[in-house]
């Protein structure tokens, strides 16, 4: 940015060639974000995980017994935007702005999240860059981009809080850092009501964990999903041997594998890649696989 005087910190003055000016600012914001993220690859890896964590914390399955975003209150959906803002600012190690959500090397920027088709922009964001985040829980897809908010980018109408949505023309001006990319799914979203009932009707703890991995095989399941069905102290104990679900599953020929400890075995069995905090169950049908998993103590 130039050093000329501006109406407020980080605001870019409107001009006849504002789109050209804005492209320079957007490039600057992108460079600063990627620098704070320690590179574009790390940005691409961590943003999906950050969004999954933000959504899961608002659902708060272990304490509320809710499993999907559709079950939360309307006010909590508003809080999801705040959660995304806090997580993003903390992960990037950037300070809060004097006016808006973020200060990026002295440039005031706002962060807006939506689970719908548009974002509501407050009056104080006019003239400032805005980081726009969009998540779709049903498709497990997200987008994140940058737009410098100008009056010509906004719809004329305002809501009760004086906020305006971004117009069709404004949406065309968004510079996407990632668009329609996959983020970790909430496995409960894809469950039929019968499957969900089959799991949650079991007593909380080991029996529910057993049902989860018995009914959902060949699919990575995160630690967060395990905690959702076993919301007790030391919930991961329900996965282990010596009385945990691993024993009861093994008795029926179902191997419960860890992305942390069984990475090579998971690859050899040609199962989906699992992260370190994910688990996957698998019931072999061929004698060769059965023999190998027995020799490794994974099934009996």
Protein backbone atom coordinates (compact mmCIF):
# COMPACT_ATOMS: atom_id res chain seq x y z
CA UNK A 1 0.00 0.00 0.00
CA UNK A 2 1.04 3.59 -0.53
CA UNK A 3 1.71 5.92 2.39
CA UNK A 4 -0.93 8.49 1.39
CA UNK A 5 -3.50 9.51 4.01
CA UNK A 6 -6.65 7.41 4.25
CA UNK A 7 -10.01 7.92 6.01
CA UNK A 8 -9.35 5.04 8.42
CA UNK A 9 -6.65 2.47 9.08
CA UNK A 10 -6.22 0.11 6.15
CA UNK A 11 -9.01 1.69 4.05
CA UNK A 12 -8.36 2.07 0.33
CA UNK A 13 -9.90 5.24 -1.10
CA UNK A 14 -12.39 4.79 -3.92
CA UNK A 15 -11.27 6.08 -7.30
CA UNK A 16 -12.12 5.73 -10.97
CA UNK A 17 -9.57 2.94 -11.24
CA UNK A 18 -10.42 1.31 -7.90
CA UNK A 19 -10.53 -2.18 -9.40
CA UNK A 20 -6.88 -1.82 -10.46
CA UNK A 21 -5.96 -0.48 -7.04
CA UNK A 22 -7.94 -3.22 -5.36
CA UNK A 23 -6.15 -5.95 -7.30
CA UNK A 24 -2.85 -4.69 -5.88
CA UNK A 25 -4.28 -4.68 -2.37
CA UNK A 26 -5.78 -8.15 -2.79
CA UNK A 27 -2.41 -9.49 -3.98
CA UNK A 28 -0.78 -7.90 -0.92
CA UNK A 29 -3.32 -9.48 1.43
CA UNK A 30 -2.90 -12.88 -0.22
CA UNK A 31 0.89 -12.69 0.09
CA UNK A 32 0.67 -11.72 3.77
CA UNK A 33 -1.81 -14.51 4.56
CA UNK A 34 0.35 -17.14 2.88
CA UNK A 35 3.42 -15.77 4.63
CA UNK A 36 1.67 -16.03 8.00
CA UNK A 37 0.56 -19.56 7.10
CA UNK A 38 4.18 -20.47 6.26
CA UNK A 39 3.45 -21.20 2.63
CA UNK A 40 0.58 -21.96 0.29
CA UNK A 41 0.81 -25.73 0.77
CA UNK A 42 0.43 -25.42 4.52
CA UNK A 43 -2.45 -22.98 3.98
CA UNK A 44 -4.20 -25.51 1.72
CA UNK A 45 -3.63 -28.32 4.21
CA UNK A 46 -4.67 -26.52 7.38
CA UNK A 47 -7.65 -24.38 6.34
CA UNK A 48 -9.91 -27.43 5.73
CA UNK A 49 -8.99 -28.86 9.14
CA UNK A 50 -9.56 -25.50 10.83
CA UNK A 51 -13.07 -25.25 9.36
CA UNK A 52 -13.93 -28.80 10.40
CA UNK A 53 -12.77 -28.09 13.94
CA UNK A 54 -14.77 -24.84 14.12
CA UNK A 55 -17.98 -26.55 13.00
CA UNK A 56 -17.47 -29.53 15.32
CA UNK A 57 -16.90 -27.27 18.32
CA UNK A 58 -20.14 -25.42 17.69
CA UNK A 59 -22.09 -28.69 17.28
CA UNK A 60 -20.33 -29.90 20.47
CA UNK A 61 -21.57 -33.50 20.11
CA UNK A 62 -19.93 -34.92 23.26
CA UNK A 63 -21.79 -32.49 25.54
CA UNK A 64 -25.00 -31.81 23.61
CA UNK A 65 -25.80 -35.13 21.95
CA UNK A 66 -26.19 -33.29 18.62
CA UNK A 67 -24.41 -34.60 15.56
CA UNK A 68 -25.09 -32.25 12.63
CA UNK A 69 -25.16 -28.53 11.94
CA UNK A 70 -28.92 -28.72 11.27
CA UNK A 71 -29.49 -29.48 14.95
CA UNK A 72 -27.91 -26.32 16.34
CA UNK A 73 -29.81 -23.15 17.23
CA UNK A 74 -30.00 -20.21 14.85
CA UNK A 75 -27.97 -18.04 17.22
CA UNK A 76 -25.23 -20.69 17.28
CA UNK A 77 -24.91 -20.50 13.49
CA UNK A 78 -24.05 -16.84 13.99
CA UNK A 79 -21.46 -17.86 16.56
CA UNK A 80 -19.90 -20.21 13.99
CA UNK A 81 -18.75 -17.11 12.11
CA UNK A 82 -17.10 -15.84 15.29
CA UNK A 83 -15.46 -19.24 15.85
CA UNK A 84 -14.02 -19.25 12.31
CA UNK A 85 -12.75 -15.70 12.85
CA UNK A 86 -11.05 -16.62 16.15
CA UNK A 87 -9.51 -19.83 14.80
CA UNK A 88 -8.23 -18.15 11.63
CA UNK A 89 -6.73 -15.20 13.46
CA UNK A 90 -5.11 -17.43 16.08
CA UNK A 91 -3.68 -19.89 13.53
CA UNK A 92 -2.24 -17.10 11.39
CA UNK A 93 -0.91 -15.37 14.52
CA UNK A 94 -2.29 -12.04 13.37
CA UNK A 95 -3.66 -9.38 15.74
CA UNK A 96 -7.22 -8.16 15.93
CA UNK A 97 -7.78 -4.87 14.14
CA UNK A 98 -8.87 -1.65 15.83
CA UNK A 99 -12.07 -1.62 13.79
CA UNK A 100 -12.38 -5.00 12.12
CA UNK A 101 -11.54 -8.64 12.80
CA UNK A 102 -7.96 -8.64 11.61
CA UNK A 103 -4.91 -6.46 11.16
CA UNK A 104 -2.73 -7.73 8.30
CA UNK A 105 0.55 -5.85 8.42
CA UNK A 106 -1.36 -2.71 9.39
CA UNK A 107 -4.25 -3.27 6.97
CA UNK A 108 -7.65 -3.62 8.63
CA UNK A 109 -9.58 -6.60 7.23
CA UNK A 110 -12.84 -8.33 8.09
CA UNK A 111 -13.59 -12.06 8.15
CA UNK A 112 -17.04 -13.24 7.08
CA UNK A 113 -18.31 -16.81 7.07
CA UNK A 114 -21.46 -18.21 5.52
CA UNK A 115 -23.08 -21.62 5.21
CA UNK A 116 -25.48 -20.18 2.66
CA UNK A 117 -24.98 -18.49 -0.68
CA UNK A 118 -23.96 -14.98 0.43
CA UNK A 119 -22.32 -12.91 3.15
CA UNK A 120 -23.70 -10.01 5.18
CA UNK A 121 -21.28 -7.09 5.22
CA UNK A 122 -21.36 -4.43 7.99
CA UNK A 123 -21.04 -0.72 7.14
CA UNK A 124 -17.66 -0.47 8.87
CA UNK A 125 -16.15 -2.92 6.35
CA UNK A 126 -16.77 -0.57 3.41
CA UNK A 127 -13.45 0.23 1.75
CA UNK A 128 -11.66 -2.63 3.51
CA UNK A 129 -10.55 -6.04 2.28
CA UNK A 130 -12.73 -8.89 3.48
CA UNK A 131 -11.76 -12.56 3.79
CA UNK A 132 -14.83 -14.49 2.71
CA UNK A 133 -15.32 -18.10 3.84
CA UNK A 134 -18.10 -20.38 2.63
CA UNK A 135 -18.80 -23.92 3.89
CA UNK A 136 -21.29 -26.54 2.73
CA UNK A 137 -21.75 -29.38 5.23
CA UNK A 138 -23.85 -31.53 2.92
CA UNK A 139 -21.21 -31.54 0.16
CA UNK A 140 -18.19 -31.10 2.48
CA UNK A 141 -16.96 -28.30 0.22
CA UNK A 142 -15.56 -24.90 1.13
CA UNK A 143 -14.23 -21.74 -0.50
CA UNK A 144 -12.09 -18.90 0.83
CA UNK A 145 -11.39 -15.67 -1.02
CA UNK A 146 -10.69 -11.96 -0.74
CA UNK A 147 -12.79 -8.97 -1.82
CA UNK A 148 -12.24 -5.27 -1.17
CA UNK A 149 -15.69 -4.08 -0.19
CA UNK A 150 -17.00 -1.23 -2.35
CA UNK A 151 -20.53 0.20 -2.46
CA UNK A 152 -20.84 -1.05 -6.05
CA UNK A 153 -20.21 -4.59 -4.76
CA UNK A 154 -23.20 -4.54 -2.42
CA UNK A 155 -26.95 -4.97 -2.86
CA UNK A 156 -29.04 -1.88 -2.14
CA UNK A 157 -31.18 -3.36 0.63
CA UNK A 158 -30.08 -3.64 4.25
CA UNK A 159 -31.13 -5.95 7.08
CA UNK A 160 -32.15 -4.81 10.57
CA UNK A 161 -28.48 -4.52 11.56
CA UNK A 162 -27.70 -2.31 8.58
CA UNK A 163 -25.73 -5.05 6.82
CA UNK A 164 -25.78 -5.60 3.07
CA UNK A 165 -25.25 -8.73 1.01
CA UNK A 166 -22.74 -8.93 -1.83
CA UNK A 167 -24.25 -8.37 -5.27
CA UNK A 168 -23.82 -10.66 -8.28
CA UNK A 169 -21.31 -8.17 -9.67
CA UNK A 170 -19.44 -8.14 -6.36
CA UNK A 171 -19.27 -11.94 -6.23
CA UNK A 172 -17.58 -11.90 -9.65
CA UNK A 173 -14.84 -9.71 -8.15
CA UNK A 174 -13.89 -12.18 -5.38
CA UNK A 175 -10.32 -13.43 -5.68
CA UNK A 176 -10.50 -17.07 -4.63
CA UNK A 177 -7.58 -18.58 -2.74
CA UNK A 178 -9.38 -21.93 -2.66
CA UNK A 179 -12.73 -22.58 -4.34
CA UNK A 180 -15.09 -25.53 -3.94
CA UNK A 181 -12.39 -27.59 -2.27
CA UNK A 182 -13.07 -30.63 -0.08
CA UNK A 183 -12.82 -30.41 3.70
CA UNK A 184 -13.22 -33.31 6.19
CA UNK A 185 -16.82 -34.43 6.22
CA UNK A 186 -19.08 -34.83 9.19
CA UNK A 187 -19.83 -38.54 8.78
CA UNK A 188 -23.18 -38.14 10.55
CA UNK A 189 -24.49 -35.95 7.72
CA UNK A 190 -24.45 -38.90 5.33
CA UNK A 191 -26.01 -41.43 7.69
CA UNK A 192 -29.55 -42.65 7.17
CA UNK A 193 -31.86 -42.23 10.15
CA UNK A 194 -31.82 -46.03 10.57
CA UNK A 195 -28.02 -46.18 10.70
CA UNK A 196 -27.81 -43.31 13.13
CA UNK A 197 -30.45 -44.90 15.34
CA UNK A 198 -28.59 -48.20 15.21
CA UNK A 199 -25.53 -46.50 16.69
CA UNK A 200 -27.04 -44.02 19.14
CA UNK A 201 -29.56 -46.49 20.58
CA UNK A 202 -26.67 -48.41 22.17
CA UNK A 203 -25.49 -47.44 25.66
CA UNK A 204 -22.87 -44.62 25.55
CA UNK A 205 -19.31 -45.89 25.57
CA UNK A 206 -17.75 -49.05 24.22
CA UNK A 207 -20.96 -50.46 22.73
CA UNK A 208 -21.62 -47.31 20.74
CA UNK A 209 -18.02 -47.21 19.52
CA UNK A 210 -18.34 -50.87 18.51
CA UNK A 211 -21.54 -50.09 16.58
CA UNK A 212 -19.95 -47.09 14.86
CA UNK A 213 -17.03 -49.10 13.49
CA UNK A 214 -19.13 -52.21 12.87
CA UNK A 215 -21.70 -50.38 10.74
CA UNK A 216 -19.32 -47.90 9.07
CA UNK A 217 -16.44 -49.89 7.62
CA UNK A 218 -13.77 -48.80 5.14
CA UNK A 219 -14.24 -45.12 6.01
CA UNK A 220 -11.84 -42.95 8.07
CA UNK A 221 -13.45 -41.90 11.36
CA UNK A 222 -11.88 -39.11 13.37
CA UNK A 223 -11.19 -38.88 17.06
CA UNK A 224 -13.89 -36.20 17.25
CA UNK A 225 -16.49 -38.67 15.97
CA UNK A 226 -15.39 -41.23 18.55
CA UNK A 227 -15.76 -38.62 21.29
CA UNK A 228 -19.26 -37.86 20.01
CA UNK A 229 -20.45 -41.41 20.72
CA UNK A 230 -18.34 -41.97 23.83
CA UNK A 231 -18.49 -38.70 25.75
CA UNK A 232 -16.82 -40.06 28.87
CA UNK A 233 -13.51 -39.33 30.49
CA UNK A 234 -10.75 -41.11 28.54
CA UNK A 235 -13.14 -41.88 25.69
CA UNK A 236 -10.30 -43.28 23.57
CA UNK A 237 -10.05 -46.16 26.05
CA UNK A 238 -13.24 -47.43 24.39
CA UNK A 239 -11.18 -48.11 21.25
CA UNK A 240 -8.36 -50.07 22.81
CA UNK A 241 -7.81 -53.72 23.59
CA UNK A 242 -8.52 -55.15 27.04
CA UNK A 243 -12.23 -54.48 27.04
CA UNK A 244 -12.53 -51.84 24.32
CA UNK A 245 -14.28 -52.02 20.94
CA UNK A 246 -11.12 -53.34 19.29
CA UNK A 247 -11.60 -56.64 21.16
CA UNK A 248 -15.28 -57.13 20.35
CA UNK A 249 -14.73 -56.23 16.70
CA UNK A 250 -11.72 -58.55 16.41
CA UNK A 251 -13.81 -61.43 17.71
CA UNK A 252 -16.10 -61.00 14.70
CA UNK A 253 -13.25 -60.68 12.22
CA UNK A 254 -13.27 -56.88 11.97
CA UNK A 255 -9.91 -55.12 12.26
CA UNK A 256 -9.83 -51.67 13.83
CA UNK A 257 -6.79 -49.80 12.48
CA UNK A 258 -5.13 -46.54 13.52
CA UNK A 259 -3.92 -43.90 11.09
CA UNK A 260 -1.09 -43.24 13.51
CA UNK A 261 0.17 -46.77 14.14
CA UNK A 262 -1.13 -48.77 11.16
CA UNK A 263 -0.33 -46.43 8.27
CA UNK A 264 1.58 -49.03 6.23
CA UNK A 265 -1.00 -51.75 6.85
CA UNK A 266 -3.84 -49.43 5.80
CA UNK A 267 -1.98 -48.67 2.56
CA UNK A 268 -1.26 -52.37 1.94
CA UNK A 269 -4.96 -53.19 2.34
CA UNK A 270 -5.71 -50.37 -0.15
CA UNK A 271 -7.99 -48.62 2.32
CA UNK A 272 -8.53 -44.85 2.25
CA UNK A 273 -5.68 -42.77 3.66
CA UNK A 274 -6.15 -41.99 7.37
CA UNK A 275 -4.72 -39.05 9.25
CA UNK A 276 -2.98 -39.60 12.58
CA UNK A 277 -6.15 -38.94 14.58
CA UNK A 278 -8.34 -41.15 12.40
CA UNK A 279 -9.33 -44.81 12.58
CA UNK A 280 -10.77 -47.24 10.08
CA UNK A 281 -12.45 -50.64 10.41
CA UNK A 282 -12.15 -53.41 7.86
CA UNK A 283 -13.49 -56.95 7.58
CA UNK A 284 -11.36 -59.00 5.19
CA UNK A 285 -13.00 -61.59 2.96
CA UNK A 286 -9.97 -63.24 1.38
CA UNK A 287 -8.00 -65.89 3.22
CA UNK A 288 -4.64 -64.18 2.61
CA UNK A 289 -5.78 -60.95 4.28
CA UNK A 290 -7.47 -62.85 7.09
CA UNK A 291 -4.29 -64.80 7.78
CA UNK A 292 -2.13 -61.69 7.81
CA UNK A 293 -4.46 -59.73 10.10
CA UNK A 294 -4.65 -62.70 12.46
CA UNK A 295 -0.86 -62.96 12.57
CA UNK A 296 -0.71 -59.28 13.47
CA UNK A 297 -3.29 -59.71 16.22
CA UNK A 298 -5.85 -57.45 14.50
CA UNK A 299 -8.54 -60.12 14.21
CA UNK A 300 -9.12 -63.50 15.84
